Amino acid sequence: DMLVYWFMPDNTFIDLRPTAIEFPENDPEQWRLGNKITDSAKVPILKFAHPALSTADRVLAEFLKRFSLSATRLDSILSETIGSRRIPQVACDWVKANPAVWTPWVPYESECDA
């Protein structure tokens, strides 16, 4: 048994199948007082892009806006990288096996901004 501090999503410790330590829901008032017996505030996973991307490549910008994977699905994909499987091959296999997930992310040229 061991205790690790781990940022997610990441595959560093995924092969160890870690179990999260669950704390009571965040209490901001207690945190302000220095009492950190509750969980920290949740931090969402955000997407960032250069401001000019939407004019440089509208289709790519729209794809990235639509792109969405749950933490569970992302962990499942990352767990495939354990051992000798390389990330590009895992990604390629996932794309081939899951068109129903990613095809709604792909904007069609017939779609317009108006």
PDB file of N, CA and C in Angstrom:
ATOM      1  N   ASP A   1       0.843  -1.190   0.000  1.00  0.00           N
ATOM      2  CA  ASP A   1       0.000   0.000   0.000  1.00  0.00           C
ATOM      3  C   ASP A   1       0.878   1.239   0.000  1.00  0.00           C
ATOM      4  N   MET A   2       0.406   2.256  -0.690  1.00  0.00           N
ATOM      5  CA  MET A   2       1.131   3.510  -0.702  1.00  0.00           C
ATOM      6  C   MET A   2       0.159   4.645  -0.957  1.00  0.00           C
ATOM      7  N   LEU A   3       0.601   5.833  -0.634  1.00  0.00           N
ATOM      8  CA  LEU A   3      -0.183   7.033  -0.844  1.00  0.00           C
ATOM      9  C   LEU A   3       0.520   7.884  -1.892  1.00  0.00           C
ATOM     10  N   VAL A   4      -0.215   8.292  -2.933  1.00  0.00           N
ATOM     11  CA  VAL A   4       0.360   9.140  -3.979  1.00  0.00           C
ATOM     12  C   VAL A   4      -0.546  10.331  -4.213  1.00  0.00           C
ATOM     13  N   TYR A   5       0.046  11.420  -4.664  1.00  0.00           N
ATOM     14  CA  TYR A   5      -0.705  12.589  -5.083  1.00  0.00           C
ATOM     15  C   TYR A   5      -0.661  12.580  -6.593  1.00  0.00           C
ATOM     16  N   TRP A   6      -1.826  12.616  -7.208  1.00  0.00           N
ATOM     17  CA  TRP A   6      -1.897  12.363  -8.635  1.00  0.00           C
ATOM     18  C   TRP A   6      -2.855  13.339  -9.294  1.00  0.00           C
ATOM     19  N   PHE A   7      -2.396  13.989 -10.340  1.00  0.00           N
ATOM     20  CA  PHE A   7      -3.266  14.838 -11.146  1.00  0.00           C
ATOM     21  C   PHE A   7      -3.909  13.966 -12.211  1.00  0.00           C
ATOM     22  N   MET A   8      -5.131  14.240 -12.533  1.00  0.00           N
ATOM     23  CA  MET A   8      -5.815  13.469 -13.555  1.00  0.00           C
ATOM     24  C   MET A   8      -6.367  14.429 -14.594  1.00  0.00           C
ATOM     25  N   PRO A   9      -6.433  14.067 -15.843  1.00  0.00           N
ATOM     26  CA  PRO A   9      -6.092  12.765 -16.411  1.00  0.00           C
ATOM     27  C   PRO A   9      -4.593  12.616 -16.644  1.00  0.00           C
ATOM     28  N   ASP A  10      -4.097  11.435 -16.362  1.00  0.00           N
ATOM     29  CA  ASP A  10      -2.679  11.114 -16.511  1.00  0.00           C
ATOM     30  C   ASP A  10      -2.555   9.608 -16.381  1.00  0.00           C
ATOM     31  N   ASN A  11      -1.623   8.996 -17.082  1.00  0.00           N
ATOM     32  CA  ASN A  11      -1.493   7.538 -17.005  1.00  0.00           C
ATOM     33  C   ASN A  11      -0.316   7.075 -16.149  1.00  0.00           C
ATOM     34  N   THR A  12       0.315   7.966 -15.380  1.00  0.00           N
ATOM     35  CA  THR A  12       1.501   7.620 -14.608  1.00  0.00           C
ATOM     36  C   THR A  12       1.268   6.448 -13.654  1.00  0.00           C
ATOM     37  N   PHE A  13       0.174   6.482 -12.906  1.00  0.00           N
ATOM     38  CA  PHE A  13      -0.087   5.450 -11.897  1.00  0.00           C
ATOM     39  C   PHE A  13      -1.278   4.569 -12.250  1.00  0.00           C
ATOM     40  N   ILE A  14      -1.799   4.701 -13.456  1.00  0.00           N
ATOM     41  CA  ILE A  14      -3.037   4.018 -13.794  1.00  0.00           C
ATOM     42  C   ILE A  14      -2.916   2.495 -13.709  1.00  0.00           C
ATOM     43  N   ASP A  15      -1.727   1.967 -13.967  1.00  0.00           N
ATOM     44  CA  ASP A  15      -1.550   0.514 -13.886  1.00  0.00           C
ATOM     45  C   ASP A  15      -1.624  -0.001 -12.453  1.00  0.00           C
ATOM     46  N   LEU A  16      -1.509   0.886 -11.458  1.00  0.00           N
ATOM     47  CA  LEU A  16      -1.614   0.484 -10.050  1.00  0.00           C
ATOM     48  C   LEU A  16      -3.066   0.400  -9.590  1.00  0.00           C
ATOM     49  N   ARG A  17      -3.979   0.843 -10.432  1.00  0.00           N
ATOM     50  CA  ARG A  17      -5.412   0.846 -10.113  1.00  0.00           C
ATOM     51  C   ARG A  17      -5.670   1.516  -8.761  1.00  0.00           C
ATOM     52  N   PRO A  18      -5.253   2.786  -8.605  1.00  0.00           N
ATOM     53  CA  PRO A  18      -5.394   3.451  -7.314  1.00  0.00           C
ATOM     54  C   PRO A  18      -6.855   3.694  -6.929  1.00  0.00           C
ATOM     55  N   THR A  19      -7.087   3.798  -5.648  1.00  0.00           N
ATOM     56  CA  THR A  19      -8.395   4.122  -5.106  1.00  0.00           C
ATOM     57  C   THR A  19      -8.310   5.519  -4.505  1.00  0.00           C
ATOM     58  N   ALA A  20      -9.235   6.372  -4.861  1.00  0.00           N
ATOM     59  CA  ALA A  20      -9.229   7.743  -4.353  1.00  0.00           C
ATOM     60  C   ALA A  20      -9.641   7.768  -2.888  1.00  0.00           C
ATOM     61  N   ILE A  21      -9.011   8.642  -2.137  1.00  0.00           N
ATOM     62  CA  ILE A  21      -9.441   8.905  -0.765  1.00  0.00           C
ATOM     63  C   ILE A  21     -10.514   9.971  -0.861  1.00  0.00           C
ATOM     64  N   GLU A  22     -11.689   9.666  -0.388  1.00  0.00           N
ATOM     65  CA  GLU A  22     -12.811  10.595  -0.479  1.00  0.00           C
ATOM     66  C   GLU A  22     -12.958  11.384   0.813  1.00  0.00           C
ATOM     67  N   PHE A  23     -12.990  12.690   0.689  1.00  0.00           N
ATOM     68  CA  PHE A  23     -13.213  13.579   1.827  1.00  0.00           C
ATOM     69  C   PHE A  23     -14.638  14.120   1.749  1.00  0.00           C
ATOM     70  N   PRO A  24     -15.163  14.634   2.853  1.00  0.00           N
ATOM     71  CA  PRO A  24     -16.484  15.268   2.785  1.00  0.00           C
ATOM     72  C   PRO A  24     -16.450  16.418   1.779  1.00  0.00           C
ATOM     73  N   GLU A  25     -17.620  16.766   1.243  1.00  0.00           N
ATOM     74  CA  GLU A  25     -17.724  17.830   0.251  1.00  0.00           C
ATOM     75  C   GLU A  25     -17.079  19.116   0.748  1.00  0.00           C
ATOM     76  N   ASN A  26     -16.497  19.842  -0.183  1.00  0.00           N
ATOM     77  CA  ASN A  26     -15.792  21.085   0.134  1.00  0.00           C
ATOM     78  C   ASN A  26     -16.653  22.041   0.952  1.00  0.00           C
ATOM     79  N   ASP A  27     -16.047  22.587   1.999  1.00  0.00           N
ATOM     80  CA  ASP A  27     -16.682  23.618   2.829  1.00  0.00           C
ATOM     81  C   ASP A  27     -15.795  24.857   2.755  1.00  0.00           C
ATOM     82  N   PRO A  28     -16.121  25.796   1.846  1.00  0.00           N
ATOM     83  CA  PRO A  28     -15.259  26.972   1.639  1.00  0.00           C
ATOM     84  C   PRO A  28     -15.036  27.776   2.919  1.00  0.00           C
ATOM     85  N   GLU A  29     -16.040  27.863   3.763  1.00  0.00           N
ATOM     86  CA  GLU A  29     -15.889  28.617   5.017  1.00  0.00           C
ATOM     87  C   GLU A  29     -14.819  27.988   5.900  1.00  0.00           C
ATOM     88  N   GLN A  30     -14.829  26.679   6.026  1.00  0.00           N
ATOM     89  CA  GLN A  30     -13.818  25.995   6.833  1.00  0.00           C
ATOM     90  C   GLN A  30     -12.426  26.176   6.220  1.00  0.00           C
ATOM     91  N   TRP A  31     -12.337  26.137   4.897  1.00  0.00           N
ATOM     92  CA  TRP A  31     -11.042  26.338   4.242  1.00  0.00           C
ATOM     93  C   TRP A  31     -10.520  27.742   4.507  1.00  0.00           C
ATOM     94  N   ARG A  32     -11.411  28.746   4.485  1.00  0.00           N
ATOM     95  CA  ARG A  32     -10.981  30.120   4.774  1.00  0.00           C
ATOM     96  C   ARG A  32     -10.425  30.243   6.186  1.00  0.00           C
ATOM     97  N   LEU A  33     -10.957  29.417   7.097  1.00  0.00           N
ATOM     98  CA  LEU A  33     -10.491  29.430   8.488  1.00  0.00           C
ATOM     99  C   LEU A  33      -9.233  28.587   8.686  1.00  0.00           C
ATOM    100  N   GLY A  34      -8.782  27.923   7.611  1.00  0.00           N
ATOM    101  CA  GLY A  34      -7.590  27.086   7.694  1.00  0.00           C
ATOM    102  C   GLY A  34      -7.881  25.645   8.063  1.00  0.00           C
ATOM    103  N   ASN A  35      -9.145  25.286   8.227  1.00  0.00           N
ATOM    104  CA  ASN A  35      -9.545  23.920   8.571  1.00  0.00           C
ATOM    105  C   ASN A  35      -9.813  23.156   7.274  1.00  0.00           C
ATOM    106  N   LYS A  36      -8.869  22.326   6.882  1.00  0.00           N
ATOM    107  CA  LYS A  36      -8.957  21.653   5.588  1.00  0.00           C
ATOM    108  C   LYS A  36      -9.323  20.182   5.738  1.00  0.00           C
ATOM    109  N   ILE A  37     -10.367  19.921   6.559  1.00  0.00           N
ATOM    110  CA  ILE A  37     -10.800  18.531   6.741  1.00  0.00           C
ATOM    111  C   ILE A  37     -11.820  18.118   5.685  1.00  0.00           C
ATOM    112  N   THR A  38     -12.218  19.072   4.825  1.00  0.00           N
ATOM    113  CA  THR A  38     -13.108  18.732   3.717  1.00  0.00           C
ATOM    114  C   THR A  38     -12.307  18.739   2.419  1.00  0.00           C
ATOM    115  N   ASP A  39     -12.910  18.209   1.374  1.00  0.00           N
ATOM    116  CA  ASP A  39     -12.257  18.130   0.069  1.00  0.00           C
ATOM    117  C   ASP A  39     -11.959  19.533  -0.463  1.00  0.00           C
ATOM    118  N   SER A  40     -10.945  19.641  -1.304  1.00  0.00           N
ATOM    119  CA  SER A  40     -10.671  20.917  -1.960  1.00  0.00           C
ATOM    120  C   SER A  40     -11.781  21.181  -2.973  1.00  0.00           C
ATOM    121  N   ALA A  41     -11.869  22.406  -3.423  1.00  0.00           N
ATOM    122  CA  ALA A  41     -12.861  22.755  -4.437  1.00  0.00           C
ATOM    123  C   ALA A  41     -12.539  21.999  -5.723  1.00  0.00           C
ATOM    124  N   LYS A  42     -13.565  21.578  -6.421  1.00  0.00           N
ATOM    125  CA  LYS A  42     -13.371  20.861  -7.679  1.00  0.00           C
ATOM    126  C   LYS A  42     -12.808  21.805  -8.734  1.00  0.00           C
ATOM    127  N   VAL A  43     -11.895  21.285  -9.538  1.00  0.00           N
ATOM    128  CA  VAL A  43     -11.287  22.060 -10.604  1.00  0.00           C
ATOM    129  C   VAL A  43     -11.679  21.401 -11.928  1.00  0.00           C
ATOM    130  N   PRO A  44     -12.440  22.100 -12.749  1.00  0.00           N
ATOM    131  CA  PRO A  44     -12.852  21.489 -14.018  1.00  0.00           C
ATOM    132  C   PRO A  44     -11.683  21.390 -14.998  1.00  0.00           C
ATOM    133  N   ILE A  45     -11.783  20.436 -15.895  1.00  0.00           N
ATOM    134  CA  ILE A  45     -10.827  20.341 -16.988  1.00  0.00           C
ATOM    135  C   ILE A  45     -11.328  21.281 -18.076  1.00  0.00           C
ATOM    136  N   LEU A  46     -10.509  22.254 -18.431  1.00  0.00           N
ATOM    137  CA  LEU A  46     -10.911  23.272 -19.396  1.00  0.00           C
ATOM    138  C   LEU A  46     -10.144  23.123 -20.705  1.00  0.00           C
ATOM    139  N   LYS A  47     -10.691  23.692 -21.751  1.00  0.00           N
ATOM    140  CA  LYS A  47     -10.025  23.716 -23.048  1.00  0.00           C
ATOM    141  C   LYS A  47      -9.608  25.154 -23.336  1.00  0.00           C
ATOM    142  N   PHE A  48      -8.389  25.322 -23.820  1.00  0.00           N
ATOM    143  CA  PHE A  48      -7.890  26.635 -24.191  1.00  0.00           C
ATOM    144  C   PHE A  48      -7.364  26.577 -25.622  1.00  0.00           C
ATOM    145  N   ALA A  49      -7.525  27.676 -26.324  1.00  0.00           N
ATOM    146  CA  ALA A  49      -6.993  27.762 -27.681  1.00  0.00           C
ATOM    147  C   ALA A  49      -6.576  29.204 -27.950  1.00  0.00           C
ATOM    148  N   HIS A  50      -5.700  29.369 -28.890  1.00  0.00           N
ATOM    149  CA  HIS A  50      -5.275  30.706 -29.292  1.00  0.00           C
ATOM    150  C   HIS A  50      -6.495  31.458 -29.825  1.00  0.00           C
ATOM    151  N   PRO A  51      -6.650  32.734 -29.470  1.00  0.00           N
ATOM    152  CA  PRO A  51      -7.820  33.503 -29.922  1.00  0.00           C
ATOM    153  C   PRO A  51      -7.989  33.539 -31.443  1.00  0.00           C
ATOM    154  N   ALA A  52      -6.903  33.439 -32.178  1.00  0.00           N
ATOM    155  CA  ALA A  52      -6.994  33.510 -33.641  1.00  0.00           C
ATOM    156  C   ALA A  52      -7.382  32.182 -34.283  1.00  0.00           C
ATOM    157  N   LEU A  53      -7.494  31.120 -33.497  1.00  0.00           N
ATOM    158  CA  LEU A  53      -7.802  29.814 -34.085  1.00  0.00           C
ATOM    159  C   LEU A  53      -9.128  29.829 -34.830  1.00  0.00           C
ATOM    160  N   SER A  54     -10.130  30.474 -34.265  1.00  0.00           N
ATOM    161  CA  SER A  54     -11.447  30.457 -34.904  1.00  0.00           C
ATOM    162  C   SER A  54     -11.448  31.127 -36.280  1.00  0.00           C
ATOM    163  N   THR A  55     -10.550  32.071 -36.504  1.00  0.00           N
ATOM    164  CA  THR A  55     -10.457  32.674 -37.843  1.00  0.00           C
ATOM    165  C   THR A  55      -9.463  31.916 -38.718  1.00  0.00           C
ATOM    166  N   ALA A  56      -8.438  31.345 -38.120  1.00  0.00           N
ATOM    167  CA  ALA A  56      -7.436  30.603 -38.900  1.00  0.00           C
ATOM    168  C   ALA A  56      -7.993  29.272 -39.397  1.00  0.00           C
ATOM    169  N   ASP A  57      -8.793  28.598 -38.564  1.00  0.00           N
ATOM    170  CA  ASP A  57      -9.355  27.302 -38.950  1.00  0.00           C
ATOM    171  C   ASP A  57     -10.677  27.103 -38.209  1.00  0.00           C
ATOM    172  N   ARG A  58     -11.749  27.580 -38.816  1.00  0.00           N
ATOM    173  CA  ARG A  58     -13.066  27.531 -38.186  1.00  0.00           C
ATOM    174  C   ARG A  58     -13.526  26.104 -37.892  1.00  0.00           C
ATOM    175  N   VAL A  59     -13.222  25.177 -38.803  1.00  0.00           N
ATOM    176  CA  VAL A  59     -13.648  23.785 -38.634  1.00  0.00           C
ATOM    177  C   VAL A  59     -12.940  23.160 -37.438  1.00  0.00           C
ATOM    178  N   LEU A  60     -11.629  23.373 -37.328  1.00  0.00           N
ATOM    179  CA  LEU A  60     -10.892  22.843 -36.182  1.00  0.00           C
ATOM    180  C   LEU A  60     -11.382  23.466 -34.880  1.00  0.00           C
ATOM    181  N   ALA A  61     -11.619  24.766 -34.876  1.00  0.00           N
ATOM    182  CA  ALA A  61     -12.101  25.441 -33.671  1.00  0.00           C
ATOM    183  C   ALA A  61     -13.442  24.865 -33.234  1.00  0.00           C
ATOM    184  N   GLU A  62     -14.333  24.618 -34.187  1.00  0.00           N
ATOM    185  CA  GLU A  62     -15.644  24.046 -33.855  1.00  0.00           C
ATOM    186  C   GLU A  62     -15.502  22.608 -33.347  1.00  0.00           C
ATOM    187  N   PHE A  63     -14.615  21.835 -33.966  1.00  0.00           N
ATOM    188  CA  PHE A  63     -14.358  20.474 -33.496  1.00  0.00           C
ATOM    189  C   PHE A  63     -13.914  20.488 -32.032  1.00  0.00           C
ATOM    190  N   LEU A  64     -12.968  21.369 -31.716  1.00  0.00           N
ATOM    191  CA  LEU A  64     -12.456  21.436 -30.343  1.00  0.00           C
ATOM    192  C   LEU A  64     -13.529  21.893 -29.355  1.00  0.00           C
ATOM    193  N   LYS A  65     -14.427  22.759 -29.782  1.00  0.00           N
ATOM    194  CA  LYS A  65     -15.543  23.172 -28.913  1.00  0.00           C
ATOM    195  C   LYS A  65     -16.437  21.986 -28.593  1.00  0.00           C
ATOM    196  N   ARG A  66     -16.684  21.142 -29.577  1.00  0.00           N
ATOM    197  CA  ARG A  66     -17.596  20.008 -29.422  1.00  0.00           C
ATOM    198  C   ARG A  66     -16.950  18.819 -28.707  1.00  0.00           C
ATOM    199  N   PHE A  67     -15.634  18.723 -28.796  1.00  0.00           N
ATOM    200  CA  PHE A  67     -14.896  17.603 -28.203  1.00  0.00           C
ATOM    201  C   PHE A  67     -15.210  17.478 -26.719  1.00  0.00           C
ATOM    202  N   SER A  68     -15.583  16.268 -26.296  1.00  0.00           N
ATOM    203  CA  SER A  68     -15.898  16.046 -24.883  1.00  0.00           C
ATOM    204  C   SER A  68     -15.741  14.567 -24.543  1.00  0.00           C
ATOM    205  N   LEU A  69     -14.919  14.280 -23.547  1.00  0.00           N
ATOM    206  CA  LEU A  69     -14.754  12.916 -23.037  1.00  0.00           C
ATOM    207  C   LEU A  69     -14.941  12.951 -21.531  1.00  0.00           C
ATOM    208  N   SER A  70     -15.703  12.002 -21.001  1.00  0.00           N
ATOM    209  CA  SER A  70     -15.868  11.923 -19.556  1.00  0.00           C
ATOM    210  C   SER A  70     -14.571  11.431 -18.925  1.00  0.00           C
ATOM    211  N   ALA A  71     -14.402  11.701 -17.644  1.00  0.00           N
ATOM    212  CA  ALA A  71     -13.209  11.227 -16.924  1.00  0.00           C
ATOM    213  C   ALA A  71     -13.137   9.702 -16.961  1.00  0.00           C
ATOM    214  N   THR A  72     -14.268   9.051 -16.858  1.00  0.00           N
ATOM    215  CA  THR A  72     -14.294   7.579 -16.890  1.00  0.00           C
ATOM    216  C   THR A  72     -13.806   7.057 -18.233  1.00  0.00           C
ATOM    217  N   ARG A  73     -14.298   7.659 -19.319  1.00  0.00           N
ATOM    218  CA  ARG A  73     -13.875   7.215 -20.657  1.00  0.00           C
ATOM    219  C   ARG A  73     -12.392   7.519 -20.877  1.00  0.00           C
ATOM    220  N   LEU A  74     -11.950   8.683 -20.426  1.00  0.00           N
ATOM    221  CA  LEU A  74     -10.544   9.049 -20.576  1.00  0.00           C
ATOM    222  C   LEU A  74      -9.646   8.094 -19.797  1.00  0.00           C
ATOM    223  N   ASP A  75     -10.031   7.740 -18.582  1.00  0.00           N
ATOM    224  CA  ASP A  75      -9.260   6.765 -17.801  1.00  0.00           C
ATOM    225  C   ASP A  75      -9.209   5.414 -18.497  1.00  0.00           C
ATOM    226  N   SER A  76     -10.313   5.026 -19.094  1.00  0.00           N
ATOM    227  CA  SER A  76     -10.363   3.752 -19.819  1.00  0.00           C
ATOM    228  C   SER A  76      -9.383   3.770 -20.995  1.00  0.00           C
ATOM    229  N   ILE A  77      -9.359   4.874 -21.730  1.00  0.00           N
ATOM    230  CA  ILE A  77      -8.423   4.993 -22.857  1.00  0.00           C
ATOM    231  C   ILE A  77      -6.984   4.988 -22.347  1.00  0.00           C
ATOM    232  N   LEU A  78      -6.711   5.743 -21.294  1.00  0.00           N
ATOM    233  CA  LEU A  78      -5.346   5.801 -20.748  1.00  0.00           C
ATOM    234  C   LEU A  78      -4.891   4.444 -20.212  1.00  0.00           C
ATOM    235  N   SER A  79      -5.815   3.665 -19.672  1.00  0.00           N
ATOM    236  CA  SER A  79      -5.423   2.349 -19.143  1.00  0.00           C
ATOM    237  C   SER A  79      -4.935   1.420 -20.245  1.00  0.00           C
ATOM    238  N   GLU A  80      -5.320   1.707 -21.491  1.00  0.00           N
ATOM    239  CA  GLU A  80      -4.849   0.918 -22.633  1.00  0.00           C
ATOM    240  C   GLU A  80      -3.380   1.181 -22.947  1.00  0.00           C
ATOM    241  N   THR A  81      -2.804   2.243 -22.382  1.00  0.00           N
ATOM    242  CA  THR A  81      -1.404   2.582 -22.664  1.00  0.00           C
ATOM    243  C   THR A  81      -0.431   1.863 -21.740  1.00  0.00           C
ATOM    244  N   ILE A  82      -0.952   1.020 -20.851  1.00  0.00           N
ATOM    245  CA  ILE A  82      -0.083   0.262 -19.940  1.00  0.00           C
ATOM    246  C   ILE A  82       0.697  -0.762 -20.755  1.00  0.00           C
ATOM    247  N   GLY A  83       1.954  -0.915 -20.438  1.00  0.00           N
ATOM    248  CA  GLY A  83       2.779  -1.886 -21.144  1.00  0.00           C
ATOM    249  C   GLY A  83       3.349  -1.316 -22.419  1.00  0.00           C
ATOM    250  N   SER A  84       3.318  -2.102 -23.464  1.00  0.00           N
ATOM    251  CA  SER A  84       3.999  -1.708 -24.701  1.00  0.00           C
ATOM    252  C   SER A  84       3.113  -0.943 -25.673  1.00  0.00           C
ATOM    253  N   ARG A  85       1.828  -0.784 -25.380  1.00  0.00           N
ATOM    254  CA  ARG A  85       0.943  -0.066 -26.309  1.00  0.00           C
ATOM    255  C   ARG A  85       1.266   1.415 -26.308  1.00  0.00           C
ATOM    256  N   ARG A  86       1.507   1.948 -27.479  1.00  0.00           N
ATOM    257  CA  ARG A  86       1.865   3.358 -27.625  1.00  0.00           C
ATOM    258  C   ARG A  86       0.594   4.202 -27.749  1.00  0.00           C
ATOM    259  N   ILE A  87       0.663   5.424 -27.240  1.00  0.00           N
ATOM    260  CA  ILE A  87      -0.495   6.309 -27.214  1.00  0.00           C
ATOM    261  C   ILE A  87      -1.088   6.523 -28.613  1.00  0.00           C
ATOM    262  N   PRO A  88      -0.291   6.780 -29.661  1.00  0.00           N
ATOM    263  CA  PRO A  88      -0.904   6.966 -30.989  1.00  0.00           C
ATOM    264  C   PRO A  88      -1.719   5.747 -31.445  1.00  0.00           C
ATOM    265  N   GLN A  89      -1.244   4.538 -31.156  1.00  0.00           N
ATOM    266  CA  GLN A  89      -1.984   3.344 -31.566  1.00  0.00           C
ATOM    267  C   GLN A  89      -3.262   3.182 -30.755  1.00  0.00           C
ATOM    268  N   VAL A  90      -3.181   3.462 -29.445  1.00  0.00           N
ATOM    269  CA  VAL A  90      -4.377   3.394 -28.597  1.00  0.00           C
ATOM    270  C   VAL A  90      -5.417   4.393 -29.100  1.00  0.00           C
ATOM    271  N   ALA A  91      -4.977   5.607 -29.419  1.00  0.00           N
ATOM    272  CA  ALA A  91      -5.894   6.631 -29.921  1.00  0.00           C
ATOM    273  C   ALA A  91      -6.524   6.198 -31.246  1.00  0.00           C
ATOM    274  N   CYS A  92      -5.725   5.672 -32.138  1.00  0.00           N
ATOM    275  CA  CYS A  92      -6.222   5.214 -33.433  1.00  0.00           C
ATOM    276  C   CYS A  92      -7.257   4.104 -33.258  1.00  0.00           C
ATOM    277  N   ASP A  93      -6.955   3.141 -32.397  1.00  0.00           N
ATOM    278  CA  ASP A  93      -7.898   2.048 -32.134  1.00  0.00           C
ATOM    279  C   ASP A  93      -9.203   2.577 -31.557  1.00  0.00           C
ATOM    280  N   TRP A  94      -9.100   3.559 -30.648  1.00  0.00           N
ATOM    281  CA  TRP A  94     -10.300   4.121 -30.038  1.00  0.00           C
ATOM    282  C   TRP A  94     -11.158   4.833 -31.086  1.00  0.00           C
ATOM    283  N   VAL A  95     -10.519   5.611 -31.964  1.00  0.00           N
ATOM    284  CA  VAL A  95     -11.256   6.319 -33.011  1.00  0.00           C
ATOM    285  C   VAL A  95     -11.981   5.329 -33.918  1.00  0.00           C
ATOM    286  N   LYS A  96     -11.309   4.253 -34.305  1.00  0.00           N
ATOM    287  CA  LYS A  96     -11.926   3.240 -35.172  1.00  0.00           C
ATOM    288  C   LYS A  96     -13.099   2.554 -34.489  1.00  0.00           C
ATOM    289  N   ALA A  97     -12.994   2.319 -33.174  1.00  0.00           N
ATOM    290  CA  ALA A  97     -14.016   1.567 -32.445  1.00  0.00           C
ATOM    291  C   ALA A  97     -15.184   2.430 -31.951  1.00  0.00           C
ATOM    292  N   ASN A  98     -15.043   3.763 -31.978  1.00  0.00           N
ATOM    293  CA  ASN A  98     -16.050   4.626 -31.360  1.00  0.00           C
ATOM    294  C   ASN A  98     -16.546   5.766 -32.246  1.00  0.00           C
ATOM    295  N   PRO A  99     -16.896   5.495 -33.496  1.00  0.00           N
ATOM    296  CA  PRO A  99     -17.358   6.595 -34.347  1.00  0.00           C
ATOM    297  C   PRO A  99     -18.627   7.276 -33.823  1.00  0.00           C
ATOM    298  N   ALA A 100     -19.474   6.552 -33.117  1.00  0.00           N
ATOM    299  CA  ALA A 100     -20.706   7.160 -32.587  1.00  0.00           C
ATOM    300  C   ALA A 100     -20.398   8.224 -31.541  1.00  0.00           C
ATOM    301  N   VAL A 101     -19.238   8.112 -30.902  1.00  0.00           N
ATOM    302  CA  VAL A 101     -18.856   9.103 -29.882  1.00  0.00           C
ATOM    303  C   VAL A 101     -18.298  10.360 -30.545  1.00  0.00           C
ATOM    304  N   TRP A 102     -17.367  10.183 -31.483  1.00  0.00           N
ATOM    305  CA  TRP A 102     -16.656  11.359 -32.000  1.00  0.00           C
ATOM    306  C   TRP A 102     -17.257  11.996 -33.243  1.00  0.00           C
ATOM    307  N   THR A 103     -18.077  11.294 -34.019  1.00  0.00           N
ATOM    308  CA  THR A 103     -18.603  11.916 -35.235  1.00  0.00           C
ATOM    309  C   THR A 103     -19.463  13.162 -34.961  1.00  0.00           C
ATOM    310  N   PRO A 104     -20.199  13.240 -33.837  1.00  0.00           N
ATOM    311  CA  PRO A 104     -20.923  14.497 -33.584  1.00  0.00           C
ATOM    312  C   PRO A 104     -20.006  15.697 -33.336  1.00  0.00           C
ATOM    313  N   TRP A 105     -18.755  15.458 -33.053  1.00  0.00           N
ATOM    314  CA  TRP A 105     -17.812  16.558 -32.837  1.00  0.00           C
ATOM    315  C   TRP A 105     -17.383  17.201 -34.153  1.00  0.00           C
ATOM    316  N   VAL A 106     -17.496  16.462 -35.249  1.00  0.00           N
ATOM    317  CA  VAL A 106     -16.970  16.917 -36.537  1.00  0.00           C
ATOM    318  C   VAL A 106     -17.989  17.827 -37.213  1.00  0.00           C
ATOM    319  N   PRO A 107     -17.635  19.095 -37.387  1.00  0.00           N
ATOM    320  CA  PRO A 107     -18.548  20.008 -38.074  1.00  0.00           C
ATOM    321  C   PRO A 107     -18.570  19.717 -39.572  1.00  0.00           C
ATOM    322  N   TYR A 108     -19.716  19.912 -40.153  1.00  0.00           N
ATOM    323  CA  TYR A 108     -19.847  19.695 -41.592  1.00  0.00           C
ATOM    324  C   TYR A 108     -19.760  21.035 -42.306  1.00  0.00           C
ATOM    325  N   GLU A 109     -19.229  21.009 -43.489  1.00  0.00           N
ATOM    326  CA  GLU A 109     -19.062  22.244 -44.253  1.00  0.00           C
ATOM    327  C   GLU A 109     -20.409  22.924 -44.507  1.00  0.00           C
ATOM    328  N   SER A 110     -21.508  22.152 -44.491  1.00  0.00           N
ATOM    329  CA  SER A 110     -22.816  22.767 -44.753  1.00  0.00           C
ATOM    330  C   SER A 110     -23.322  23.565 -43.543  1.00  0.00           C
ATOM    331  N   GLU A 111     -22.687  23.377 -42.385  1.00  0.00           N
ATOM    332  CA  GLU A 111     -23.060  24.157 -41.218  1.00  0.00           C
ATOM    333  C   GLU A 111     -22.449  25.547 -41.357  1.00  0.00           C
ATOM    334  N   CYS A 112     -23.183  26.534 -40.938  1.00  0.00           N
ATOM    335  CA  CYS A 112     -22.639  27.884 -41.024  1.00  0.00           C
ATOM    336  C   CYS A 112     -22.835  28.614 -39.710  1.00  0.00           C
ATOM    337  N   ASP A 113     -22.145  29.730 -39.552  1.00  0.00           N
ATOM    338  CA  ASP A 113     -22.200  30.501 -38.320  1.00  0.00           C
ATOM    339  C   ASP A 113     -23.472  31.327 -38.213  1.00  0.00           C
ATOM    340  N   ALA A 114     -24.188  31.531 -39.290  1.00  0.00           N
ATOM    341  CA  ALA A 114     -25.369  32.406 -39.288  1.00  0.00           C
ATOM    342  C   ALA A 114     -26.582  31.719 -38.672  1.00  0.00           C
TER     343      ALA A 114
END
